[in-house]
Amino acid sequence: MSDSMSEYLSQDMQCEGLLECMHGLKELDKEVFLELTDAEEPLTVDDIAEAVDRERSTAYRSVQRLLQSGFIQKEQVNYEQGGYYHVYRPTDPDRIADDMQRLLNDWYAKMGQLITQFRDQYEERAVSEN
């Protein structure tokens, strides 16, 4: 994160900003996620690429980032004559929100530890200087 925490907190943030803030996802990833949430049925990578007007390989990389972060799920669809293809759909919003809450709680605990270490380190220096 290039901005300081205070600068980041003062920004007017939309809920989609959580994709970037908490998972480092890109603008394209947000577009793909919104396309999937607006779709009435799961989409293939080709459908996604067409919807966001990008090359298939670019759309595929975005789908992989969303899969890795847990924002979408992959399903296999089998052809009757053999073979298969994959479709993608958004993960349940409650599950995503719960995962983000856990991540935030872990971050908060880690920051609390670092602040305590900072306080201890500089209190020792202040005492030794006096």
N, C-alpha and C. Protein backbone atom coordinates (compact mmCIF):
# COMPACT_ATOMS: atom_id res chain seq x y z
N MET A 1 0.85 -1.16 0.00
CA MET A 1 0.00 0.00 0.00
C MET A 1 0.90 1.23 0.00
N SER A 2 0.77 2.04 -1.04
CA SER A 2 1.66 3.19 -1.15
C SER A 2 1.22 4.35 -0.28
N ASP A 3 -0.07 4.51 -0.01
CA ASP A 3 -0.55 5.59 0.83
C ASP A 3 -0.35 5.23 2.30
N SER A 4 -0.24 6.28 3.13
CA SER A 4 -0.18 6.02 4.57
C SER A 4 -1.56 5.57 5.04
N MET A 5 -1.60 4.97 6.21
CA MET A 5 -2.87 4.49 6.75
C MET A 5 -3.85 5.65 6.92
N SER A 6 -3.40 6.79 7.43
CA SER A 6 -4.30 7.92 7.62
C SER A 6 -4.84 8.44 6.29
N GLU A 7 -3.99 8.47 5.26
CA GLU A 7 -4.46 8.90 3.94
C GLU A 7 -5.48 7.91 3.39
N TYR A 8 -5.21 6.65 3.57
CA TYR A 8 -6.11 5.61 3.06
C TYR A 8 -7.47 5.69 3.75
N LEU A 9 -7.48 5.91 5.06
CA LEU A 9 -8.73 5.98 5.80
C LEU A 9 -9.54 7.22 5.47
N SER A 10 -8.88 8.28 5.01
CA SER A 10 -9.61 9.50 4.68
C SER A 10 -10.22 9.47 3.29
N GLN A 11 -9.89 8.48 2.48
CA GLN A 11 -10.44 8.37 1.14
C GLN A 11 -11.91 7.95 1.19
N ASP A 12 -12.67 8.39 0.19
CA ASP A 12 -14.06 7.96 0.05
C ASP A 12 -14.03 6.59 -0.60
N MET A 13 -14.25 5.56 0.18
CA MET A 13 -14.09 4.20 -0.30
C MET A 13 -15.44 3.55 -0.55
N GLN A 14 -15.53 2.81 -1.65
CA GLN A 14 -16.72 2.03 -1.97
C GLN A 14 -16.47 0.59 -1.56
N CYS A 15 -17.54 -0.20 -1.43
CA CYS A 15 -17.35 -1.58 -0.96
C CYS A 15 -16.47 -2.39 -1.91
N GLU A 16 -16.50 -2.08 -3.22
CA GLU A 16 -15.64 -2.80 -4.16
C GLU A 16 -14.16 -2.52 -3.89
N GLY A 17 -13.88 -1.41 -3.19
CA GLY A 17 -12.51 -1.09 -2.83
C GLY A 17 -11.88 -2.13 -1.93
N LEU A 18 -12.72 -2.92 -1.27
CA LEU A 18 -12.20 -3.99 -0.43
C LEU A 18 -11.44 -5.03 -1.24
N LEU A 19 -11.83 -5.22 -2.50
CA LEU A 19 -11.11 -6.16 -3.35
C LEU A 19 -9.65 -5.76 -3.49
N GLU A 20 -9.44 -4.47 -3.69
CA GLU A 20 -8.09 -3.95 -3.85
C GLU A 20 -7.38 -3.87 -2.50
N CYS A 21 -8.05 -3.30 -1.52
CA CYS A 21 -7.45 -3.03 -0.22
C CYS A 21 -7.03 -4.32 0.50
N MET A 22 -7.91 -5.29 0.53
CA MET A 22 -7.64 -6.47 1.35
C MET A 22 -6.96 -7.60 0.58
N HIS A 23 -7.10 -7.59 -0.74
CA HIS A 23 -6.56 -8.71 -1.50
C HIS A 23 -5.63 -8.30 -2.62
N GLY A 24 -5.39 -7.00 -2.78
CA GLY A 24 -4.47 -6.53 -3.81
C GLY A 24 -4.95 -6.79 -5.22
N LEU A 25 -6.26 -6.88 -5.41
CA LEU A 25 -6.78 -7.14 -6.73
C LEU A 25 -6.78 -5.86 -7.57
N LYS A 26 -6.85 -6.03 -8.87
CA LYS A 26 -6.72 -4.93 -9.81
C LYS A 26 -8.10 -4.46 -10.28
N GLU A 27 -8.09 -3.34 -11.00
CA GLU A 27 -9.34 -2.78 -11.54
C GLU A 27 -10.06 -3.81 -12.41
N LEU A 28 -9.32 -4.52 -13.25
CA LEU A 28 -9.92 -5.54 -14.10
C LEU A 28 -10.59 -6.62 -13.24
N ASP A 29 -9.96 -6.99 -12.15
CA ASP A 29 -10.54 -8.01 -11.27
C ASP A 29 -11.89 -7.55 -10.74
N LYS A 30 -11.98 -6.27 -10.39
CA LYS A 30 -13.26 -5.73 -9.93
C LYS A 30 -14.31 -5.79 -11.05
N GLU A 31 -13.90 -5.47 -12.27
CA GLU A 31 -14.81 -5.54 -13.41
C GLU A 31 -15.32 -6.97 -13.62
N VAL A 32 -14.39 -7.92 -13.57
CA VAL A 32 -14.77 -9.32 -13.76
C VAL A 32 -15.71 -9.77 -12.65
N PHE A 33 -15.39 -9.41 -11.42
CA PHE A 33 -16.25 -9.79 -10.30
C PHE A 33 -17.65 -9.20 -10.47
N LEU A 34 -17.74 -7.95 -10.86
CA LEU A 34 -19.05 -7.33 -11.07
C LEU A 34 -19.82 -7.99 -12.21
N GLU A 35 -19.12 -8.36 -13.28
CA GLU A 35 -19.79 -9.08 -14.38
C GLU A 35 -20.36 -10.41 -13.88
N LEU A 36 -19.59 -11.11 -13.08
CA LEU A 36 -20.06 -12.40 -12.56
C LEU A 36 -21.24 -12.23 -11.61
N THR A 37 -21.21 -11.19 -10.79
CA THR A 37 -22.32 -10.99 -9.86
C THR A 37 -23.58 -10.52 -10.58
N ASP A 38 -23.42 -9.82 -11.72
CA ASP A 38 -24.58 -9.36 -12.49
C ASP A 38 -25.16 -10.46 -13.40
N ALA A 39 -24.36 -11.47 -13.68
CA ALA A 39 -24.80 -12.53 -14.60
C ALA A 39 -25.87 -13.40 -13.94
N GLU A 40 -26.81 -13.84 -14.75
CA GLU A 40 -27.88 -14.70 -14.23
C GLU A 40 -27.45 -16.14 -14.06
N GLU A 41 -26.38 -16.51 -14.73
CA GLU A 41 -25.85 -17.87 -14.63
C GLU A 41 -24.33 -17.82 -14.67
N PRO A 42 -23.67 -18.90 -14.26
CA PRO A 42 -22.19 -18.90 -14.30
C PRO A 42 -21.67 -18.65 -15.71
N LEU A 43 -20.48 -18.06 -15.80
CA LEU A 43 -19.88 -17.69 -17.08
C LEU A 43 -18.59 -18.46 -17.33
N THR A 44 -18.29 -18.68 -18.61
CA THR A 44 -17.00 -19.25 -18.99
C THR A 44 -15.98 -18.12 -19.08
N VAL A 45 -14.71 -18.47 -19.18
CA VAL A 45 -13.68 -17.46 -19.37
C VAL A 45 -13.92 -16.70 -20.67
N ASP A 46 -14.36 -17.39 -21.71
CA ASP A 46 -14.65 -16.71 -22.97
C ASP A 46 -15.78 -15.68 -22.79
N ASP A 47 -16.82 -16.04 -22.06
CA ASP A 47 -17.92 -15.10 -21.77
C ASP A 47 -17.39 -13.88 -21.02
N ILE A 48 -16.55 -14.14 -20.04
CA ILE A 48 -15.99 -13.07 -19.22
C ILE A 48 -15.12 -12.15 -20.07
N ALA A 49 -14.26 -12.74 -20.89
CA ALA A 49 -13.37 -11.95 -21.76
C ALA A 49 -14.17 -11.04 -22.67
N GLU A 50 -15.25 -11.56 -23.22
CA GLU A 50 -16.10 -10.76 -24.09
C GLU A 50 -16.78 -9.63 -23.30
N ALA A 51 -17.25 -9.94 -22.11
CA ALA A 51 -17.97 -8.95 -21.29
C ALA A 51 -17.08 -7.78 -20.87
N VAL A 52 -15.80 -8.06 -20.61
CA VAL A 52 -14.89 -7.00 -20.17
C VAL A 52 -14.00 -6.49 -21.31
N ASP A 53 -14.24 -7.01 -22.51
CA ASP A 53 -13.53 -6.58 -23.72
C ASP A 53 -12.01 -6.72 -23.57
N ARG A 54 -11.59 -7.90 -23.19
CA ARG A 54 -10.16 -8.22 -23.04
C ARG A 54 -9.86 -9.55 -23.72
N GLU A 55 -8.58 -9.79 -23.93
CA GLU A 55 -8.13 -11.08 -24.47
C GLU A 55 -8.47 -12.18 -23.47
N ARG A 56 -8.66 -13.38 -24.00
CA ARG A 56 -8.99 -14.52 -23.14
C ARG A 56 -7.93 -14.74 -22.06
N SER A 57 -6.66 -14.65 -22.41
CA SER A 57 -5.58 -14.90 -21.45
C SER A 57 -5.60 -13.86 -20.32
N THR A 58 -5.92 -12.62 -20.65
CA THR A 58 -6.00 -11.57 -19.63
C THR A 58 -7.17 -11.83 -18.69
N ALA A 59 -8.31 -12.20 -19.27
CA ALA A 59 -9.48 -12.53 -18.44
C ALA A 59 -9.19 -13.74 -17.56
N TYR A 60 -8.49 -14.73 -18.12
CA TYR A 60 -8.16 -15.94 -17.36
C TYR A 60 -7.29 -15.59 -16.14
N ARG A 61 -6.30 -14.72 -16.30
CA ARG A 61 -5.45 -14.33 -15.18
C ARG A 61 -6.27 -13.63 -14.09
N SER A 62 -7.20 -12.80 -14.50
CA SER A 62 -8.06 -12.13 -13.54
C SER A 62 -8.93 -13.15 -12.80
N VAL A 63 -9.48 -14.09 -13.52
CA VAL A 63 -10.28 -15.16 -12.91
C VAL A 63 -9.44 -15.93 -11.90
N GLN A 64 -8.20 -16.22 -12.24
CA GLN A 64 -7.33 -16.95 -11.32
C GLN A 64 -7.08 -16.16 -10.03
N ARG A 65 -6.87 -14.85 -10.15
CA ARG A 65 -6.68 -14.02 -8.95
C ARG A 65 -7.94 -14.03 -8.09
N LEU A 66 -9.11 -13.95 -8.72
CA LEU A 66 -10.37 -13.97 -7.97
C LEU A 66 -10.61 -15.33 -7.32
N LEU A 67 -10.25 -16.38 -8.01
CA LEU A 67 -10.35 -17.73 -7.43
C LEU A 67 -9.45 -17.86 -6.20
N GLN A 68 -8.22 -17.41 -6.36
CA GLN A 68 -7.23 -17.51 -5.28
C GLN A 68 -7.67 -16.72 -4.05
N SER A 69 -8.32 -15.59 -4.27
CA SER A 69 -8.76 -14.78 -3.14
C SER A 69 -10.07 -15.28 -2.55
N GLY A 70 -10.73 -16.21 -3.21
CA GLY A 70 -11.97 -16.77 -2.70
C GLY A 70 -13.22 -16.01 -3.09
N PHE A 71 -13.11 -15.04 -3.99
CA PHE A 71 -14.27 -14.24 -4.38
C PHE A 71 -15.17 -14.95 -5.39
N ILE A 72 -14.61 -15.90 -6.13
CA ILE A 72 -15.42 -16.66 -7.08
C ILE A 72 -15.12 -18.15 -6.92
N GLN A 73 -16.01 -18.94 -7.52
CA GLN A 73 -15.86 -20.39 -7.47
C GLN A 73 -15.90 -20.95 -8.89
N LYS A 74 -15.21 -22.07 -9.08
CA LYS A 74 -15.14 -22.74 -10.38
C LYS A 74 -15.98 -24.01 -10.31
N GLU A 75 -16.75 -24.24 -11.36
CA GLU A 75 -17.54 -25.46 -11.47
C GLU A 75 -17.22 -26.14 -12.79
N GLN A 76 -17.20 -27.45 -12.77
CA GLN A 76 -16.96 -28.21 -13.99
C GLN A 76 -18.29 -28.63 -14.58
N VAL A 77 -18.47 -28.42 -15.88
CA VAL A 77 -19.67 -28.84 -16.60
C VAL A 77 -19.22 -29.92 -17.59
N ASN A 78 -19.85 -31.07 -17.49
CA ASN A 78 -19.48 -32.21 -18.35
C ASN A 78 -20.38 -32.27 -19.58
N TYR A 79 -19.76 -32.54 -20.74
CA TYR A 79 -20.52 -32.80 -21.96
C TYR A 79 -21.00 -34.24 -21.91
N GLU A 80 -22.19 -34.50 -22.49
CA GLU A 80 -22.71 -35.87 -22.50
C GLU A 80 -21.81 -36.82 -23.28
N GLN A 81 -21.23 -36.34 -24.36
CA GLN A 81 -20.38 -37.18 -25.21
C GLN A 81 -18.93 -37.27 -24.73
N GLY A 82 -18.65 -36.67 -23.56
CA GLY A 82 -17.31 -36.68 -23.01
C GLY A 82 -16.68 -35.29 -23.08
N GLY A 83 -15.76 -35.05 -22.21
CA GLY A 83 -15.12 -33.75 -22.13
C GLY A 83 -15.85 -32.86 -21.14
N TYR A 84 -15.27 -31.70 -20.90
CA TYR A 84 -15.85 -30.77 -19.94
C TYR A 84 -15.33 -29.36 -20.19
N TYR A 85 -15.95 -28.42 -19.51
CA TYR A 85 -15.48 -27.04 -19.50
C TYR A 85 -15.78 -26.47 -18.12
N HIS A 86 -15.19 -25.31 -17.82
CA HIS A 86 -15.40 -24.70 -16.51
C HIS A 86 -16.22 -23.43 -16.64
N VAL A 87 -17.04 -23.21 -15.62
CA VAL A 87 -17.78 -21.96 -15.50
C VAL A 87 -17.47 -21.39 -14.12
N TYR A 88 -17.70 -20.09 -13.99
CA TYR A 88 -17.34 -19.38 -12.76
C TYR A 88 -18.54 -18.58 -12.26
N ARG A 89 -18.66 -18.54 -10.95
CA ARG A 89 -19.74 -17.78 -10.32
C ARG A 89 -19.19 -17.15 -9.05
N PRO A 90 -19.84 -16.09 -8.58
CA PRO A 90 -19.35 -15.46 -7.34
C PRO A 90 -19.60 -16.35 -6.14
N THR A 91 -18.73 -16.25 -5.18
CA THR A 91 -18.90 -16.94 -3.90
C THR A 91 -20.01 -16.23 -3.12
N ASP A 92 -20.65 -16.94 -2.24
CA ASP A 92 -21.70 -16.37 -1.40
C ASP A 92 -21.16 -15.13 -0.68
N PRO A 93 -21.87 -14.00 -0.77
CA PRO A 93 -21.39 -12.75 -0.15
C PRO A 93 -21.15 -12.87 1.35
N ASP A 94 -21.94 -13.65 2.05
CA ASP A 94 -21.72 -13.82 3.49
C ASP A 94 -20.39 -14.51 3.76
N ARG A 95 -20.05 -15.48 2.96
CA ARG A 95 -18.77 -16.18 3.13
C ARG A 95 -17.60 -15.24 2.84
N ILE A 96 -17.73 -14.43 1.78
CA ILE A 96 -16.68 -13.47 1.45
C ILE A 96 -16.52 -12.47 2.59
N ALA A 97 -17.64 -11.95 3.09
CA ALA A 97 -17.60 -10.97 4.18
C ALA A 97 -16.99 -11.58 5.44
N ASP A 98 -17.34 -12.82 5.76
CA ASP A 98 -16.76 -13.49 6.93
C ASP A 98 -15.26 -13.66 6.78
N ASP A 99 -14.82 -14.04 5.57
CA ASP A 99 -13.38 -14.20 5.32
C ASP A 99 -12.65 -12.86 5.45
N MET A 100 -13.26 -11.79 4.93
CA MET A 100 -12.63 -10.48 5.05
C MET A 100 -12.59 -10.02 6.51
N GLN A 101 -13.62 -10.34 7.27
CA GLN A 101 -13.64 -9.97 8.69
C GLN A 101 -12.53 -10.69 9.45
N ARG A 102 -12.34 -11.99 9.13
CA ARG A 102 -11.24 -12.75 9.76
C ARG A 102 -9.89 -12.15 9.40
N LEU A 103 -9.72 -11.79 8.13
CA LEU A 103 -8.47 -11.19 7.68
C LEU A 103 -8.23 -9.86 8.40
N LEU A 104 -9.27 -9.06 8.52
CA LEU A 104 -9.16 -7.79 9.23
C LEU A 104 -8.81 -8.00 10.70
N ASN A 105 -9.44 -8.97 11.34
CA ASN A 105 -9.14 -9.27 12.74
C ASN A 105 -7.69 -9.71 12.92
N ASP A 106 -7.20 -10.55 12.00
CA ASP A 106 -5.80 -10.98 12.05
C ASP A 106 -4.87 -9.78 11.88
N TRP A 107 -5.19 -8.89 10.92
CA TRP A 107 -4.38 -7.71 10.69
C TRP A 107 -4.38 -6.82 11.93
N TYR A 108 -5.55 -6.63 12.52
CA TYR A 108 -5.67 -5.79 13.71
C TYR A 108 -4.82 -6.34 14.85
N ALA A 109 -4.85 -7.65 15.06
CA ALA A 109 -4.05 -8.27 16.11
C ALA A 109 -2.56 -8.07 15.83
N LYS A 110 -2.15 -8.24 14.58
CA LYS A 110 -0.74 -8.07 14.21
C LYS A 110 -0.31 -6.62 14.42
N MET A 111 -1.14 -5.66 14.03
CA MET A 111 -0.80 -4.25 14.23
C MET A 111 -0.72 -3.93 15.73
N GLY A 112 -1.59 -4.52 16.53
CA GLY A 112 -1.53 -4.33 17.98
C GLY A 112 -0.21 -4.81 18.55
N GLN A 113 0.27 -5.96 18.07
CA GLN A 113 1.56 -6.48 18.52
C GLN A 113 2.69 -5.54 18.14
N LEU A 114 2.64 -5.04 16.89
CA LEU A 114 3.70 -4.14 16.43
C LEU A 114 3.69 -2.82 17.21
N ILE A 115 2.52 -2.31 17.52
CA ILE A 115 2.43 -1.08 18.31
C ILE A 115 2.99 -1.30 19.71
N THR A 116 2.69 -2.45 20.30
CA THR A 116 3.23 -2.77 21.62
C THR A 116 4.75 -2.86 21.57
N GLN A 117 5.29 -3.51 20.52
CA GLN A 117 6.74 -3.60 20.36
C GLN A 117 7.35 -2.21 20.20
N PHE A 118 6.71 -1.36 19.41
CA PHE A 118 7.18 0.01 19.22
C PHE A 118 7.22 0.74 20.56
N ARG A 119 6.14 0.66 21.32
CA ARG A 119 6.07 1.34 22.62
C ARG A 119 7.18 0.84 23.54
N ASP A 120 7.34 -0.48 23.62
CA ASP A 120 8.35 -1.06 24.51
C ASP A 120 9.76 -0.62 24.10
N GLN A 121 10.03 -0.69 22.81
CA GLN A 121 11.36 -0.34 22.32
C GLN A 121 11.70 1.12 22.61
N TYR A 122 10.79 2.02 22.35
CA TYR A 122 11.11 3.44 22.52
C TYR A 122 10.96 3.91 23.96
N GLU A 123 10.18 3.20 24.78
CA GLU A 123 10.15 3.53 26.21
C GLU A 123 11.49 3.17 26.83
N GLU A 124 12.08 2.04 26.42
CA GLU A 124 13.39 1.63 26.94
C GLU A 124 14.46 2.67 26.58
N ARG A 125 14.41 3.17 25.36
CA ARG A 125 15.37 4.18 24.92
C ARG A 125 15.18 5.48 25.70
N ALA A 126 13.94 5.88 25.91
CA ALA A 126 13.66 7.13 26.63
C ALA A 126 14.13 7.01 28.06
N VAL A 127 13.94 5.85 28.71
CA VAL A 127 14.38 5.64 30.11
C VAL A 127 15.89 5.65 30.18
N SER A 128 16.56 5.00 29.21
CA SER A 128 18.02 4.93 29.26
C SER A 128 18.67 6.28 28.96
N GLU A 129 17.99 7.16 28.23
CA GLU A 129 18.53 8.48 27.92
C GLU A 129 18.41 9.44 29.11
N ASN A 130 17.48 9.17 30.00
CA ASN A 130 17.27 10.09 31.15
C ASN A 130 18.10 9.71 32.31
